[in-house]
């Protein structure tokens, strides 16, 4: 009975995109581990941007830094 928890930043992911994630993860577990879709659980948690950090900084600051380094 697999349980998969996907955490994403809250940035306007549509219900259709979430459905695609759920189906894709379920299909992957079926094909790789031969798990039953009926007992495969997928949960998507949306996390506020200010509650997510990468590389020791808030995600928005991290992304800004990455964009700035690419544009140089």
PDB file of N, CA and C in Angstrom:
ATOM      1  N   UNK A   1       0.841  -1.168   0.000  1.00  0.00           N
ATOM      2  CA  UNK A   1       0.000   0.000   0.000  1.00  0.00           C
ATOM      3  C   UNK A   1       0.898   1.247   0.000  1.00  0.00           C
ATOM      4  N   UNK A   2       1.331   1.707  -1.164  1.00  0.00           N
ATOM      5  CA  UNK A   2       2.215   2.871  -1.234  1.00  0.00           C
ATOM      6  C   UNK A   2       1.488   4.168  -0.857  1.00  0.00           C
ATOM      7  N   UNK A   3       2.242   5.037  -0.216  1.00  0.00           N
ATOM      8  CA  UNK A   3       1.773   6.376   0.119  1.00  0.00           C
ATOM      9  C   UNK A   3       2.839   7.338  -0.370  1.00  0.00           C
ATOM     10  N   UNK A   4       2.473   8.240  -1.260  1.00  0.00           N
ATOM     11  CA  UNK A   4       3.415   9.207  -1.819  1.00  0.00           C
ATOM     12  C   UNK A   4       2.931  10.601  -1.445  1.00  0.00           C
ATOM     13  N   UNK A   5       3.827  11.397  -0.884  1.00  0.00           N
ATOM     14  CA  UNK A   5       3.497  12.769  -0.505  1.00  0.00           C
ATOM     15  C   UNK A   5       4.322  13.712  -1.380  1.00  0.00           C
ATOM     16  N   UNK A   6       3.633  14.519  -2.177  1.00  0.00           N
ATOM     17  CA  UNK A   6       4.279  15.489  -3.050  1.00  0.00           C
ATOM     18  C   UNK A   6       4.088  16.865  -2.425  1.00  0.00           C
ATOM     19  N   UNK A   7       5.168  17.574  -2.228  1.00  0.00           N
ATOM     20  CA  UNK A   7       5.093  18.934  -1.695  1.00  0.00           C
ATOM     21  C   UNK A   7       5.526  19.897  -2.792  1.00  0.00           C
ATOM     22  N   UNK A   8       4.678  20.895  -3.034  1.00  0.00           N
ATOM     23  CA  UNK A   8       4.964  21.902  -4.054  1.00  0.00           C
ATOM     24  C   UNK A   8       4.691  23.273  -3.463  1.00  0.00           C
ATOM     25  N   UNK A   9       5.316  24.285  -4.034  1.00  0.00           N
ATOM     26  CA  UNK A   9       5.007  25.636  -3.592  1.00  0.00           C
ATOM     27  C   UNK A   9       3.646  26.048  -4.141  1.00  0.00           C
ATOM     28  N   UNK A  10       2.960  26.860  -3.379  1.00  0.00           N
ATOM     29  CA  UNK A  10       1.624  27.325  -3.754  1.00  0.00           C
ATOM     30  C   UNK A  10       1.785  28.430  -4.801  1.00  0.00           C
ATOM     31  N   UNK A  11       1.672  28.023  -6.078  1.00  0.00           N
ATOM     32  CA  UNK A  11       1.877  28.967  -7.176  1.00  0.00           C
ATOM     33  C   UNK A  11       0.855  28.763  -8.281  1.00  0.00           C
ATOM     34  N   UNK A  12      -0.362  28.458  -7.909  1.00  0.00           N
ATOM     35  CA  UNK A  12      -1.412  28.380  -8.907  1.00  0.00           C
ATOM     36  C   UNK A  12      -1.449  27.097  -9.715  1.00  0.00           C
ATOM     37  N   UNK A  13      -1.047  25.994  -9.113  1.00  0.00           N
ATOM     38  CA  UNK A  13      -1.148  24.704  -9.801  1.00  0.00           C
ATOM     39  C   UNK A  13      -2.629  24.390  -9.989  1.00  0.00           C
ATOM     40  N   UNK A  14      -2.987  24.011 -11.188  1.00  0.00           N
ATOM     41  CA  UNK A  14      -4.397  23.777 -11.500  1.00  0.00           C
ATOM     42  C   UNK A  14      -4.838  22.385 -11.039  1.00  0.00           C
ATOM     43  N   UNK A  15      -6.141  22.206 -10.869  1.00  0.00           N
ATOM     44  CA  UNK A  15      -6.646  20.867 -10.551  1.00  0.00           C
ATOM     45  C   UNK A  15      -6.259  19.835 -11.615  1.00  0.00           C
ATOM     46  N   UNK A  16      -6.193  20.249 -12.871  1.00  0.00           N
ATOM     47  CA  UNK A  16      -5.797  19.339 -13.944  1.00  0.00           C
ATOM     48  C   UNK A  16      -4.335  18.909 -13.791  1.00  0.00           C
ATOM     49  N   UNK A  17      -3.480  19.831 -13.406  1.00  0.00           N
ATOM     50  CA  UNK A  17      -2.071  19.494 -13.186  1.00  0.00           C
ATOM     51  C   UNK A  17      -1.924  18.544 -12.004  1.00  0.00           C
ATOM     52  N   UNK A  18      -2.686  18.792 -10.951  1.00  0.00           N
ATOM     53  CA  UNK A  18      -2.634  17.898  -9.790  1.00  0.00           C
ATOM     54  C   UNK A  18      -3.126  16.505 -10.173  1.00  0.00           C
ATOM     55  N   UNK A  19      -4.193  16.438 -10.946  1.00  0.00           N
ATOM     56  CA  UNK A  19      -4.708  15.141 -11.397  1.00  0.00           C
ATOM     57  C   UNK A  19      -3.654  14.410 -12.222  1.00  0.00           C
ATOM     58  N   UNK A  20      -2.921  15.151 -13.059  1.00  0.00           N
ATOM     59  CA  UNK A  20      -1.864  14.541 -13.874  1.00  0.00           C
ATOM     60  C   UNK A  20      -0.735  14.004 -12.993  1.00  0.00           C
ATOM     61  N   UNK A  21      -0.376  14.744 -11.946  1.00  0.00           N
ATOM     62  CA  UNK A  21       0.640  14.260 -11.002  1.00  0.00           C
ATOM     63  C   UNK A  21       0.187  12.974 -10.328  1.00  0.00           C
ATOM     64  N   UNK A  22      -1.053  12.970  -9.847  1.00  0.00           N
ATOM     65  CA  UNK A  22      -1.587  11.786  -9.165  1.00  0.00           C
ATOM     66  C   UNK A  22      -1.579  10.583 -10.096  1.00  0.00           C
ATOM     67  N   UNK A  23      -2.055  10.780 -11.320  1.00  0.00           N
ATOM     68  CA  UNK A  23      -2.090   9.674 -12.286  1.00  0.00           C
ATOM     69  C   UNK A  23      -0.678   9.211 -12.639  1.00  0.00           C
ATOM     70  N   UNK A  24       0.220  10.161 -12.871  1.00  0.00           N
ATOM     71  CA  UNK A  24       1.577   9.804 -13.252  1.00  0.00           C
ATOM     72  C   UNK A  24       2.309   9.024 -12.180  1.00  0.00           C
ATOM     73  N   UNK A  25       2.183   9.467 -10.937  1.00  0.00           N
ATOM     74  CA  UNK A  25       2.844   8.764  -9.832  1.00  0.00           C
ATOM     75  C   UNK A  25       2.227   7.377  -9.646  1.00  0.00           C
ATOM     76  N   UNK A  26       0.914   7.305  -9.719  1.00  0.00           N
ATOM     77  CA  UNK A  26       0.240   6.016  -9.586  1.00  0.00           C
ATOM     78  C   UNK A  26       0.673   5.065 -10.694  1.00  0.00           C
ATOM     79  N   UNK A  27       0.683   5.544 -11.926  1.00  0.00           N
ATOM     80  CA  UNK A  27       1.107   4.714 -13.063  1.00  0.00           C
ATOM     81  C   UNK A  27       2.550   4.234 -12.898  1.00  0.00           C
ATOM     82  N   UNK A  28       3.413   5.105 -12.384  1.00  0.00           N
ATOM     83  CA  UNK A  28       4.811   4.727 -12.172  1.00  0.00           C
ATOM     84  C   UNK A  28       4.922   3.598 -11.147  1.00  0.00           C
ATOM     85  N   UNK A  29       4.183   3.692 -10.055  1.00  0.00           N
ATOM     86  CA  UNK A  29       4.224   2.644  -9.036  1.00  0.00           C
ATOM     87  C   UNK A  29       3.646   1.328  -9.554  1.00  0.00           C
ATOM     88  N   UNK A  30       2.646   1.433 -10.415  1.00  0.00           N
ATOM     89  CA  UNK A  30       2.086   0.230 -11.032  1.00  0.00           C
ATOM     90  C   UNK A  30       3.131  -0.425 -11.933  1.00  0.00           C
ATOM     91  N   UNK A  31       3.777   0.366 -12.786  1.00  0.00           N
ATOM     92  CA  UNK A  31       4.706  -0.217 -13.758  1.00  0.00           C
ATOM     93  C   UNK A  31       6.024  -0.657 -13.133  1.00  0.00           C
ATOM     94  N   UNK A  32       6.531   0.061 -12.153  1.00  0.00           N
ATOM     95  CA  UNK A  32       7.839  -0.274 -11.584  1.00  0.00           C
ATOM     96  C   UNK A  32       7.725  -1.306 -10.460  1.00  0.00           C
ATOM     97  N   UNK A  33       6.726  -1.133  -9.595  1.00  0.00           N
ATOM     98  CA  UNK A  33       6.622  -1.998  -8.413  1.00  0.00           C
ATOM     99  C   UNK A  33       5.434  -2.956  -8.453  1.00  0.00           C
ATOM    100  N   UNK A  34       4.677  -2.921  -9.545  1.00  0.00           N
ATOM    101  CA  UNK A  34       3.505  -3.784  -9.693  1.00  0.00           C
ATOM    102  C   UNK A  34       2.496  -3.581  -8.556  1.00  0.00           C
ATOM    103  N   UNK A  35       2.316  -2.317  -8.168  1.00  0.00           N
ATOM    104  CA  UNK A  35       1.363  -1.984  -7.104  1.00  0.00           C
ATOM    105  C   UNK A  35      -0.024  -1.774  -7.688  1.00  0.00           C
ATOM    106  N   UNK A  36      -1.017  -2.026  -6.874  1.00  0.00           N
ATOM    107  CA  UNK A  36      -2.397  -1.832  -7.303  1.00  0.00           C
ATOM    108  C   UNK A  36      -2.780  -0.354  -7.201  1.00  0.00           C
ATOM    109  N   UNK A  37      -3.356   0.214  -8.246  1.00  0.00           N
ATOM    110  CA  UNK A  37      -3.808   1.608  -8.167  1.00  0.00           C
ATOM    111  C   UNK A  37      -4.858   1.805  -7.079  1.00  0.00           C
ATOM    112  N   UNK A  38      -5.631   0.769  -6.789  1.00  0.00           N
ATOM    113  CA  UNK A  38      -6.694   0.876  -5.789  1.00  0.00           C
ATOM    114  C   UNK A  38      -6.156   1.081  -4.380  1.00  0.00           C
ATOM    115  N   UNK A  39      -4.896   0.710  -4.160  1.00  0.00           N
ATOM    116  CA  UNK A  39      -4.317   0.881  -2.824  1.00  0.00           C
ATOM    117  C   UNK A  39      -3.094   1.798  -2.840  1.00  0.00           C
ATOM    118  N   UNK A  40      -2.984   2.625  -3.863  1.00  0.00           N
ATOM    119  CA  UNK A  40      -1.896   3.596  -3.971  1.00  0.00           C
ATOM    120  C   UNK A  40      -2.436   4.976  -3.630  1.00  0.00           C
ATOM    121  N   UNK A  41      -1.846   5.593  -2.632  1.00  0.00           N
ATOM    122  CA  UNK A  41      -2.306   6.898  -2.148  1.00  0.00           C
ATOM    123  C   UNK A  41      -1.298   7.978  -2.533  1.00  0.00           C
ATOM    124  N   UNK A  42      -1.790   9.052  -3.107  1.00  0.00           N
ATOM    125  CA  UNK A  42      -0.952  10.193  -3.479  1.00  0.00           C
ATOM    126  C   UNK A  42      -1.573  11.433  -2.848  1.00  0.00           C
ATOM    127  N   UNK A  43      -0.773  12.154  -2.078  1.00  0.00           N
ATOM    128  CA  UNK A  43      -1.231  13.376  -1.415  1.00  0.00           C
ATOM    129  C   UNK A  43      -0.355  14.528  -1.892  1.00  0.00           C
ATOM    130  N   UNK A  44      -0.993  15.624  -2.273  1.00  0.00           N
ATOM    131  CA  UNK A  44      -0.265  16.812  -2.710  1.00  0.00           C
ATOM    132  C   UNK A  44      -0.462  17.898  -1.659  1.00  0.00           C
ATOM    133  N   UNK A  45       0.633  18.365  -1.094  1.00  0.00           N
ATOM    134  CA  UNK A  45       0.612  19.476  -0.140  1.00  0.00           C
ATOM    135  C   UNK A  45       1.154  20.717  -0.826  1.00  0.00           C
ATOM    136  N   UNK A  46       0.394  21.795  -0.754  1.00  0.00           N
ATOM    137  CA  UNK A  46       0.875  23.071  -1.273  1.00  0.00           C
ATOM    138  C   UNK A  46       1.406  23.897  -0.101  1.00  0.00           C
ATOM    139  N   UNK A  47       2.628  24.364  -0.257  1.00  0.00           N
ATOM    140  CA  UNK A  47       3.301  25.112   0.792  1.00  0.00           C
ATOM    141  C   UNK A  47       3.431  26.571   0.354  1.00  0.00           C
ATOM    142  N   UNK A  48       3.092  27.480   1.245  1.00  0.00           N
ATOM    143  CA  UNK A  48       3.225  28.906   0.939  1.00  0.00           C
ATOM    144  C   UNK A  48       4.684  29.231   0.621  1.00  0.00           C
ATOM    145  N   UNK A  49       4.885  30.140  -0.327  1.00  0.00           N
ATOM    146  CA  UNK A  49       6.238  30.499  -0.756  1.00  0.00           C
ATOM    147  C   UNK A  49       7.114  30.931   0.414  1.00  0.00           C
ATOM    148  N   UNK A  50       6.547  31.655   1.364  1.00  0.00           N
ATOM    149  CA  UNK A  50       7.363  32.138   2.484  1.00  0.00           C
ATOM    150  C   UNK A  50       7.730  31.019   3.463  1.00  0.00           C
ATOM    151  N   UNK A  51       7.140  29.836   3.280  1.00  0.00           N
ATOM    152  CA  UNK A  51       7.435  28.704   4.145  1.00  0.00           C
ATOM    153  C   UNK A  51       8.351  27.684   3.477  1.00  0.00           C
ATOM    154  N   UNK A  52       8.965  28.046   2.355  1.00  0.00           N
ATOM    155  CA  UNK A  52       9.809  27.129   1.589  1.00  0.00           C
ATOM    156  C   UNK A  52      11.181  27.775   1.419  1.00  0.00           C
ATOM    157  N   UNK A  53      12.231  27.021   1.670  1.00  0.00           N
ATOM    158  CA  UNK A  53      13.572  27.560   1.515  1.00  0.00           C
ATOM    159  C   UNK A  53      14.472  26.622   0.739  1.00  0.00           C
ATOM    160  N   UNK A  54      15.432  27.205   0.056  1.00  0.00           N
ATOM    161  CA  UNK A  54      16.443  26.449  -0.703  1.00  0.00           C
ATOM    162  C   UNK A  54      17.788  27.121  -0.467  1.00  0.00           C
ATOM    163  N   UNK A  55      18.795  26.345  -0.218  1.00  0.00           N
ATOM    164  CA  UNK A  55      20.138  26.899  -0.088  1.00  0.00           C
ATOM    165  C   UNK A  55      20.275  27.943   1.001  1.00  0.00           C
ATOM    166  N   UNK A  56      19.502  27.795   2.063  1.00  0.00           N
ATOM    167  CA  UNK A  56      19.611  28.712   3.190  1.00  0.00           C
ATOM    168  C   UNK A  56      18.872  30.025   3.022  1.00  0.00           C
ATOM    169  N   UNK A  57      17.996  30.116   2.022  1.00  0.00           N
ATOM    170  CA  UNK A  57      17.255  31.361   1.828  1.00  0.00           C
ATOM    171  C   UNK A  57      15.834  31.057   1.353  1.00  0.00           C
ATOM    172  N   UNK A  58      14.929  32.019   1.539  1.00  0.00           N
ATOM    173  CA  UNK A  58      13.565  31.822   1.037  1.00  0.00           C
ATOM    174  C   UNK A  58      13.589  31.542  -0.465  1.00  0.00           C
ATOM    175  N   UNK A  59      12.662  30.725  -0.923  1.00  0.00           N
ATOM    176  CA  UNK A  59      12.663  30.276  -2.316  1.00  0.00           C
ATOM    177  C   UNK A  59      12.614  31.450  -3.301  1.00  0.00           C
ATOM    178  N   UNK A  60      11.861  32.487  -2.988  1.00  0.00           N
ATOM    179  CA  UNK A  60      11.806  33.628  -3.913  1.00  0.00           C
ATOM    180  C   UNK A  60      13.166  34.296  -4.049  1.00  0.00           C
ATOM    181  N   UNK A  61      13.900  34.443  -2.934  1.00  0.00           N
ATOM    182  CA  UNK A  61      15.243  35.020  -2.995  1.00  0.00           C
ATOM    183  C   UNK A  61      16.193  34.104  -3.763  1.00  0.00           C
ATOM    184  N   UNK A  62      16.091  32.812  -3.538  1.00  0.00           N
ATOM    185  CA  UNK A  62      16.932  31.844  -4.236  1.00  0.00           C
ATOM    186  C   UNK A  62      16.705  31.911  -5.747  1.00  0.00           C
ATOM    187  N   UNK A  63      15.433  31.929  -6.138  1.00  0.00           N
ATOM    188  CA  UNK A  63      15.120  32.006  -7.574  1.00  0.00           C
ATOM    189  C   UNK A  63      15.618  33.305  -8.181  1.00  0.00           C
ATOM    190  N   UNK A  64      15.473  34.392  -7.460  1.00  0.00           N
ATOM    191  CA  UNK A  64      15.956  35.687  -7.945  1.00  0.00           C
ATOM    192  C   UNK A  64      17.468  35.634  -8.154  1.00  0.00           C
ATOM    193  N   UNK A  65      18.166  35.058  -7.190  1.00  0.00           N
ATOM    194  CA  UNK A  65      19.623  34.928  -7.295  1.00  0.00           C
ATOM    195  C   UNK A  65      20.002  34.076  -8.512  1.00  0.00           C
ATOM    196  N   UNK A  66      19.266  32.982  -8.741  1.00  0.00           N
ATOM    197  CA  UNK A  66      19.536  32.118  -9.884  1.00  0.00           C
ATOM    198  C   UNK A  66      19.296  32.858 -11.202  1.00  0.00           C
ATOM    199  N   UNK A  67      18.196  33.602 -11.279  1.00  0.00           N
ATOM    200  CA  UNK A  67      17.899  34.373 -12.499  1.00  0.00           C
ATOM    201  C   UNK A  67      18.985  35.414 -12.760  1.00  0.00           C
ATOM    202  N   UNK A  68      19.402  36.097 -11.679  1.00  0.00           N
ATOM    203  CA  UNK A  68      20.420  37.131 -11.825  1.00  0.00           C
ATOM    204  C   UNK A  68      21.748  36.543 -12.280  1.00  0.00           C
ATOM    205  N   UNK A  69      22.102  35.372 -11.785  1.00  0.00           N
ATOM    206  CA  UNK A  69      23.393  34.771 -12.177  1.00  0.00           C
ATOM    207  C   UNK A  69      23.357  34.264 -13.619  1.00  0.00           C
ATOM    208  N   UNK A  70      22.184  33.855 -14.112  1.00  0.00           N
ATOM    209  CA  UNK A  70      22.051  33.394 -15.490  1.00  0.00           C
ATOM    210  C   UNK A  70      22.095  34.566 -16.461  1.00  0.00           C
ATOM    211  N   UNK A  71      21.514  35.696 -16.075  1.00  0.00           N
ATOM    212  CA  UNK A  71      21.429  36.836 -16.976  1.00  0.00           C
ATOM    213  C   UNK A  71      22.727  37.632 -17.050  1.00  0.00           C
ATOM    214  N   UNK A  72      23.711  37.275 -16.257  1.00  0.00           N
ATOM    215  CA  UNK A  72      24.992  38.003 -16.294  1.00  0.00           C
ATOM    216  C   UNK A  72      25.893  37.510 -17.376  1.00  0.00           C
TER     217      UNK A  72
END
